[in-house]
Amino acid sequence: MHQRALARQILCAARPARRFSNCRVLYADPWPLPHSPEHLASTTTPSDVPAPTPLPRPNESVDTLRARLVYQSRKRGTLESDLLLSTFARDHLATMSKVELQEYDKLLDEPDWDIYYWSTNKRTPPERWANSPLLEKLRVHARNEGKVVRRMPPLSS
């Protein structure tokens, strides 16, 4: 067997393959889909990582806090988190107390995929979020029992 053919055979056997084109060489998908075992494994935050420390924002008014949380809910970096958190913010932030807003602020300091998988019950949250009423509200929102078609809310509301 030629050396090049042998290398191709080893390359194809070493990785799970998904065909992107008609070429003979198959490559593993570099972007696994959310909820796939590969994605769940690759986005896990190590358990020894401490909770994020929030930035101090002295003298921030409740209106400013609410406006900042709306923005931070929209601009997460992943479409799944953006959609889930922006619609949650649209539906719930207006009625939250200052204490609830501060708790939501702490939640938004967590990694995107952790928030997403905790809210969809694909991952167990750490102790600090295990009994959180806010996370439970987010889980109810994520279940979308009314089967509402969700879109990014407009910036002006």
Protein backbone atom coordinates (compact mmCIF):
# COMPACT_ATOMS: atom_id res chain seq x y z
CA MET A 1 0.00 0.00 0.00
CA HIS A 2 1.30 3.47 -0.81
CA GLN A 3 2.29 5.66 2.08
CA ARG A 4 -0.27 8.35 1.19
CA ALA A 5 -3.15 5.83 0.99
CA LEU A 6 -2.09 4.34 4.32
CA ALA A 7 -2.01 7.80 5.94
CA ARG A 8 -5.51 8.57 4.59
CA GLN A 9 -6.81 5.25 5.92
CA ILE A 10 -5.35 5.95 9.37
CA LEU A 11 -6.75 9.50 9.34
CA CYS A 12 -10.23 8.31 8.44
CA ALA A 13 -10.20 5.49 11.01
CA ALA A 14 -8.97 7.69 13.85
CA ARG A 15 -11.89 10.14 13.88
CA PRO A 16 -15.63 9.76 13.59
CA ALA A 17 -16.47 11.04 10.16
CA ARG A 18 -19.09 13.26 8.66
CA ARG A 19 -19.01 13.94 4.96
CA PHE A 20 -18.89 17.64 4.00
CA SER A 21 -18.13 17.18 0.32
CA ASN A 22 -17.58 14.53 -2.30
CA CYS A 23 -13.87 14.18 -1.62
CA ARG A 24 -12.66 10.85 -0.32
CA VAL A 25 -11.18 12.18 2.91
CA LEU A 26 -13.70 12.45 5.73
CA TYR A 27 -13.18 14.92 8.55
CA ALA A 28 -14.75 15.13 11.98
CA ASP A 29 -17.27 17.94 12.41
CA PRO A 30 -15.37 20.82 14.10
CA TRP A 31 -18.65 22.32 15.44
CA PRO A 32 -20.77 19.65 17.12
CA LEU A 33 -24.42 20.47 17.55
CA PRO A 34 -25.76 21.53 20.97
CA HIS A 35 -27.15 18.65 23.05
CA SER A 36 -24.88 16.16 21.25
CA PRO A 37 -22.60 14.10 23.53
CA GLU A 38 -19.54 15.69 21.90
CA HIS A 39 -20.81 19.21 22.61
CA LEU A 40 -21.81 18.41 26.18
CA ALA A 41 -18.34 16.98 26.82
CA SER A 42 -16.44 19.82 25.16
CA THR A 43 -18.30 22.64 26.96
CA THR A 44 -18.11 21.32 30.51
CA THR A 45 -16.60 23.75 33.00
CA PRO A 46 -14.21 21.97 35.39
CA SER A 47 -15.66 21.55 38.88
CA ASP A 48 -12.60 23.09 40.55
CA VAL A 49 -13.19 26.47 38.87
CA PRO A 50 -14.45 28.94 41.50
CA ALA A 51 -17.58 31.00 41.03
CA PRO A 52 -17.00 34.15 38.99
CA THR A 53 -16.47 37.34 40.97
CA PRO A 54 -18.91 40.04 39.84
CA LEU A 55 -17.61 43.48 38.97
CA PRO A 56 -18.41 46.01 41.69
CA ARG A 57 -20.90 48.60 40.46
CA PRO A 58 -21.40 51.04 43.33
CA ASN A 59 -24.36 53.39 43.16
CA GLU A 60 -25.90 51.66 40.14
CA SER A 61 -29.60 52.49 40.04
CA VAL A 62 -32.21 49.77 39.54
CA ASP A 63 -33.12 51.21 36.13
CA THR A 64 -29.48 51.14 35.01
CA LEU A 65 -29.09 47.62 36.38
CA ARG A 66 -32.19 46.47 34.50
CA ALA A 67 -31.02 48.10 31.25
CA ARG A 68 -27.56 46.52 31.59
CA LEU A 69 -29.06 43.08 32.22
CA VAL A 70 -31.26 43.40 29.13
CA TYR A 71 -28.15 44.16 27.06
CA GLN A 72 -26.08 41.38 28.66
CA SER A 73 -28.91 38.91 28.09
CA ARG A 74 -28.89 39.73 24.36
CA LYS A 75 -25.13 39.75 23.77
CA ARG A 76 -23.86 36.46 25.18
CA GLY A 77 -21.84 35.11 22.29
CA THR A 78 -23.90 32.05 21.41
CA LEU A 79 -27.20 32.20 19.59
CA GLU A 80 -28.81 29.63 21.88
CA SER A 81 -27.98 31.60 25.01
CA ASP A 82 -28.86 34.92 23.37
CA LEU A 83 -32.31 33.70 22.40
CA LEU A 84 -33.06 31.99 25.71
CA LEU A 85 -31.83 34.81 27.95
CA SER A 86 -33.10 37.75 25.87
CA THR A 87 -36.65 36.37 25.80
CA PHE A 88 -36.42 35.56 29.51
CA ALA A 89 -35.25 39.13 30.19
CA ARG A 90 -38.09 40.56 28.09
CA ASP A 91 -40.67 38.50 29.97
CA HIS A 92 -39.35 38.75 33.54
CA LEU A 93 -36.92 41.62 34.22
CA ALA A 94 -39.61 44.29 34.44
CA THR A 95 -41.24 42.57 37.43
CA MET A 96 -38.08 41.49 39.29
CA SER A 97 -37.08 43.06 42.58
CA LYS A 98 -33.61 44.52 43.09
CA VAL A 99 -32.50 41.35 44.91
CA GLU A 100 -33.72 39.17 42.03
CA LEU A 101 -31.99 41.43 39.50
CA GLN A 102 -28.73 41.11 41.45
CA GLU A 103 -29.09 37.33 41.48
CA TYR A 104 -29.72 37.35 37.72
CA ASP A 105 -26.62 39.52 37.34
CA LYS A 106 -24.59 36.86 39.16
CA LEU A 107 -26.07 34.15 36.93
CA LEU A 108 -25.02 36.06 33.82
CA ASP A 109 -21.41 35.95 35.07
CA GLU A 110 -21.44 32.18 34.57
CA PRO A 111 -20.26 30.61 31.26
CA ASP A 112 -22.86 30.65 28.46
CA TRP A 113 -23.04 26.93 27.87
CA ASP A 114 -23.35 26.20 31.60
CA ILE A 115 -26.35 28.54 31.87
CA TYR A 116 -27.87 27.01 28.75
CA TYR A 117 -27.44 23.39 29.87
CA TRP A 118 -28.55 24.11 33.46
CA SER A 119 -31.72 25.74 32.16
CA THR A 120 -32.45 22.87 29.76
CA ASN A 121 -31.72 20.25 32.48
CA LYS A 122 -28.89 18.66 30.50
CA ARG A 123 -26.39 19.39 33.26
CA THR A 124 -26.66 19.55 37.03
CA PRO A 125 -25.94 23.05 38.31
CA PRO A 126 -23.34 23.57 41.04
CA GLU A 127 -24.38 23.91 44.67
CA ARG A 128 -24.60 27.71 44.44
CA TRP A 129 -27.41 27.43 41.85
CA ALA A 130 -28.99 24.09 42.79
CA ASN A 131 -31.94 25.56 44.73
CA SER A 132 -32.22 28.92 43.00
CA PRO A 133 -35.78 30.11 42.34
CA LEU A 134 -34.36 32.23 39.51
CA LEU A 135 -32.85 29.19 37.77
CA GLU A 136 -36.18 27.40 38.20
CA LYS A 137 -37.94 30.33 36.49
CA LEU A 138 -35.40 30.10 33.68
CA ARG A 139 -36.01 26.35 33.37
CA VAL A 140 -39.78 26.91 33.06
CA HIS A 141 -39.05 29.53 30.40
CA ALA A 142 -36.69 27.15 28.56
CA ARG A 143 -39.30 24.35 28.52
CA ASN A 144 -41.54 26.67 26.47
CA GLU A 145 -44.65 24.68 27.32
CA GLY A 146 -46.80 27.07 25.27
CA LYS A 147 -44.66 26.25 22.19
CA VAL A 148 -44.19 29.95 21.50
CA VAL A 149 -42.02 30.77 18.51
CA ARG A 150 -39.23 32.81 20.03
CA ARG A 151 -37.36 35.60 18.30
CA MET A 152 -34.87 38.11 19.57
CA PRO A 153 -36.89 40.94 21.10
CA PRO A 154 -36.42 44.43 19.67
CA LEU A 155 -34.05 46.74 21.51
CA SER A 156 -36.68 49.40 22.14
CA SER A 157 -39.41 48.29 24.52
